[in-house]
């Protein structure tokens, strides 16, 4: 029983660490999106623009599976939004795969 508790705790800690990495990545992207906005008075058409124009050396990627769970950038009427895969939210929603997205807004 003790081993099960330890494994569960370690697994939960790893999920939280990966989610923290995702939030750090997104906040860095948003910082650069806002820098781009301040210079151009508009958000870029896509995240690749941040890389090609030198705002980011490379676009951060999901630490587990960047192909299945990419950071999704969307321009909105009031700014922009980036959705990301959150293992913690998926677990709370009862989804075994942890397939949940959480948006972070630019403005």
C-alpha atoms as a PDB file:
ATOM      1  CA  UNK A   1       0.000   0.000   0.000  1.00  0.00           C
ATOM      2  CA  UNK A   2       2.819   2.394   0.848  1.00  0.00           C
ATOM      3  CA  UNK A   3       4.480   1.736  -2.514  1.00  0.00           C
ATOM      4  CA  UNK A   4       1.219   2.583  -4.301  1.00  0.00           C
ATOM      5  CA  UNK A   5       0.964   5.864  -2.428  1.00  0.00           C
ATOM      6  CA  UNK A   6       4.563   6.748  -3.292  1.00  0.00           C
ATOM      7  CA  UNK A   7       4.072   5.929  -6.984  1.00  0.00           C
ATOM      8  CA  UNK A   8       0.848   7.958  -7.097  1.00  0.00           C
ATOM      9  CA  UNK A   9       2.568  10.923  -5.418  1.00  0.00           C
ATOM     10  CA  UNK A  10       5.557  10.797  -7.764  1.00  0.00           C
ATOM     11  CA  UNK A  11       3.296  10.548 -10.825  1.00  0.00           C
ATOM     12  CA  UNK A  12       1.229  13.512  -9.654  1.00  0.00           C
ATOM     13  CA  UNK A  13       4.411  15.542  -8.993  1.00  0.00           C
ATOM     14  CA  UNK A  14       5.735  14.771 -12.496  1.00  0.00           C
ATOM     15  CA  UNK A  15       2.442  15.846 -14.089  1.00  0.00           C
ATOM     16  CA  UNK A  16       2.510  19.083 -12.095  1.00  0.00           C
ATOM     17  CA  UNK A  17       6.125  19.739 -13.113  1.00  0.00           C
ATOM     18  CA  UNK A  18       5.274  19.244 -16.796  1.00  0.00           C
ATOM     19  CA  UNK A  19       2.245  21.552 -16.449  1.00  0.00           C
ATOM     20  CA  UNK A  20       4.470  24.178 -14.803  1.00  0.00           C
ATOM     21  CA  UNK A  21       6.869  23.880 -17.762  1.00  0.00           C
ATOM     22  CA  UNK A  22       3.948  24.394 -20.138  1.00  0.00           C
ATOM     23  CA  UNK A  23       2.795  27.528 -18.298  1.00  0.00           C
ATOM     24  CA  UNK A  24       6.364  28.888 -18.281  1.00  0.00           C
ATOM     25  CA  UNK A  25       6.636  28.241 -22.041  1.00  0.00           C
ATOM     26  CA  UNK A  26       3.292  29.944 -22.715  1.00  0.00           C
ATOM     27  CA  UNK A  27       4.144  32.952 -20.554  1.00  0.00           C
ATOM     28  CA  UNK A  28       7.402  33.376 -22.478  1.00  0.00           C
ATOM     29  CA  UNK A  29       5.531  33.170 -25.785  1.00  0.00           C
ATOM     30  CA  UNK A  30       2.996  35.721 -24.547  1.00  0.00           C
ATOM     31  CA  UNK A  31       5.773  38.081 -23.464  1.00  0.00           C
ATOM     32  CA  UNK A  32       7.155  37.953 -26.998  1.00  0.00           C
ATOM     33  CA  UNK A  33       3.682  38.268 -28.553  1.00  0.00           C
ATOM     34  CA  UNK A  34       3.138  41.446 -26.542  1.00  0.00           C
ATOM     35  CA  UNK A  35       6.581  42.750 -27.525  1.00  0.00           C
ATOM     36  CA  UNK A  36       5.685  42.079 -31.163  1.00  0.00           C
ATOM     37  CA  UNK A  37       2.338  43.833 -30.646  1.00  0.00           C
ATOM     38  CA  UNK A  38       3.967  46.908 -29.087  1.00  0.00           C
ATOM     39  CA  UNK A  39       6.257  47.245 -32.112  1.00  0.00           C
ATOM     40  CA  UNK A  40       3.721  46.403 -34.857  1.00  0.00           C
ATOM     41  CA  UNK A  41       0.384  47.407 -33.261  1.00  0.00           C
ATOM     42  CA  UNK A  42      -0.971  43.975 -34.171  1.00  0.00           C
ATOM     43  CA  UNK A  43      -0.356  40.386 -33.157  1.00  0.00           C
ATOM     44  CA  UNK A  44       1.484  38.162 -35.639  1.00  0.00           C
ATOM     45  CA  UNK A  45      -0.476  35.855 -37.943  1.00  0.00           C
ATOM     46  CA  UNK A  46       1.131  32.781 -36.351  1.00  0.00           C
ATOM     47  CA  UNK A  47       3.776  31.751 -33.822  1.00  0.00           C
ATOM     48  CA  UNK A  48       6.333  31.000 -36.550  1.00  0.00           C
ATOM     49  CA  UNK A  49       6.544  34.744 -37.182  1.00  0.00           C
ATOM     50  CA  UNK A  50       8.037  35.182 -33.697  1.00  0.00           C
ATOM     51  CA  UNK A  51      10.783  32.769 -34.644  1.00  0.00           C
ATOM     52  CA  UNK A  52      11.479  34.107 -38.153  1.00  0.00           C
ATOM     53  CA  UNK A  53      11.604  37.707 -36.895  1.00  0.00           C
ATOM     54  CA  UNK A  54      13.923  36.871 -34.000  1.00  0.00           C
ATOM     55  CA  UNK A  55      11.561  37.267 -31.045  1.00  0.00           C
ATOM     56  CA  UNK A  56      12.105  33.606 -30.115  1.00  0.00           C
ATOM     57  CA  UNK A  57      15.052  31.408 -31.053  1.00  0.00           C
ATOM     58  CA  UNK A  58      12.581  28.532 -31.403  1.00  0.00           C
ATOM     59  CA  UNK A  59       8.925  27.956 -30.575  1.00  0.00           C
ATOM     60  CA  UNK A  60       8.665  26.048 -27.277  1.00  0.00           C
ATOM     61  CA  UNK A  61       6.996  22.664 -27.544  1.00  0.00           C
ATOM     62  CA  UNK A  62       4.925  20.505 -25.189  1.00  0.00           C
ATOM     63  CA  UNK A  63       7.292  18.447 -22.978  1.00  0.00           C
ATOM     64  CA  UNK A  64       5.378  15.188 -23.538  1.00  0.00           C
ATOM     65  CA  UNK A  65       4.154  15.154 -27.129  1.00  0.00           C
ATOM     66  CA  UNK A  66       4.409  18.326 -29.234  1.00  0.00           C
ATOM     67  CA  UNK A  67       2.751  16.637 -32.216  1.00  0.00           C
ATOM     68  CA  UNK A  68      -0.386  15.494 -30.413  1.00  0.00           C
ATOM     69  CA  UNK A  69      -0.521  18.435 -27.979  1.00  0.00           C
ATOM     70  CA  UNK A  70       0.810  21.559 -29.707  1.00  0.00           C
ATOM     71  CA  UNK A  71       0.522  25.016 -28.209  1.00  0.00           C
ATOM     72  CA  UNK A  72      -2.395  26.483 -30.167  1.00  0.00           C
ATOM     73  CA  UNK A  73      -2.252  30.214 -30.916  1.00  0.00           C
ATOM     74  CA  UNK A  74      -5.418  32.116 -31.841  1.00  0.00           C
ATOM     75  CA  UNK A  75      -5.883  35.820 -32.486  1.00  0.00           C
ATOM     76  CA  UNK A  76      -9.048  37.091 -30.805  1.00  0.00           C
ATOM     77  CA  UNK A  77     -11.092  40.294 -31.002  1.00  0.00           C
ATOM     78  CA  UNK A  78      -9.389  41.603 -27.860  1.00  0.00           C
ATOM     79  CA  UNK A  79      -5.892  40.142 -28.218  1.00  0.00           C
ATOM     80  CA  UNK A  80      -4.803  36.554 -28.498  1.00  0.00           C
ATOM     81  CA  UNK A  81      -4.973  33.235 -26.714  1.00  0.00           C
ATOM     82  CA  UNK A  82      -2.802  30.171 -26.439  1.00  0.00           C
ATOM     83  CA  UNK A  83      -4.337  26.836 -25.538  1.00  0.00           C
ATOM     84  CA  UNK A  84      -2.175  24.119 -24.081  1.00  0.00           C
ATOM     85  CA  UNK A  85      -2.596  20.528 -22.933  1.00  0.00           C
ATOM     86  CA  UNK A  86      -2.891  20.241 -19.142  1.00  0.00           C
ATOM     87  CA  UNK A  87      -2.428  16.857 -17.536  1.00  0.00           C
ATOM     88  CA  UNK A  88      -3.742  18.156 -14.194  1.00  0.00           C
ATOM     89  CA  UNK A  89      -6.973  19.485 -15.689  1.00  0.00           C
ATOM     90  CA  UNK A  90      -7.580  16.242 -17.534  1.00  0.00           C
ATOM     91  CA  UNK A  91      -7.135  14.285 -14.325  1.00  0.00           C
ATOM     92  CA  UNK A  92      -9.616  16.522 -12.496  1.00  0.00           C
ATOM     93  CA  UNK A  93     -12.113  16.074 -15.335  1.00  0.00           C
ATOM     94  CA  UNK A  94     -11.843  12.296 -15.029  1.00  0.00           C
ATOM     95  CA  UNK A  95     -10.164  11.825 -18.403  1.00  0.00           C
ATOM     96  CA  UNK A  96      -7.680   8.940 -18.207  1.00  0.00           C
ATOM     97  CA  UNK A  97      -5.539  10.441 -20.965  1.00  0.00           C
ATOM     98  CA  UNK A  98      -5.478  13.866 -19.350  1.00  0.00           C
ATOM     99  CA  UNK A  99      -6.706  15.346 -22.611  1.00  0.00           C
ATOM    100  CA  UNK A 100      -7.664  18.826 -21.448  1.00  0.00           C
ATOM    101  CA  UNK A 101      -6.831  22.250 -22.791  1.00  0.00           C
ATOM    102  CA  UNK A 102      -6.478  25.422 -20.792  1.00  0.00           C
ATOM    103  CA  UNK A 103      -6.297  28.869 -22.425  1.00  0.00           C
ATOM    104  CA  UNK A 104      -3.949  31.669 -21.424  1.00  0.00           C
ATOM    105  CA  UNK A 105      -4.754  35.088 -22.895  1.00  0.00           C
ATOM    106  CA  UNK A 106      -2.359  37.755 -24.129  1.00  0.00           C
ATOM    107  CA  UNK A 107      -4.283  40.840 -23.084  1.00  0.00           C
END
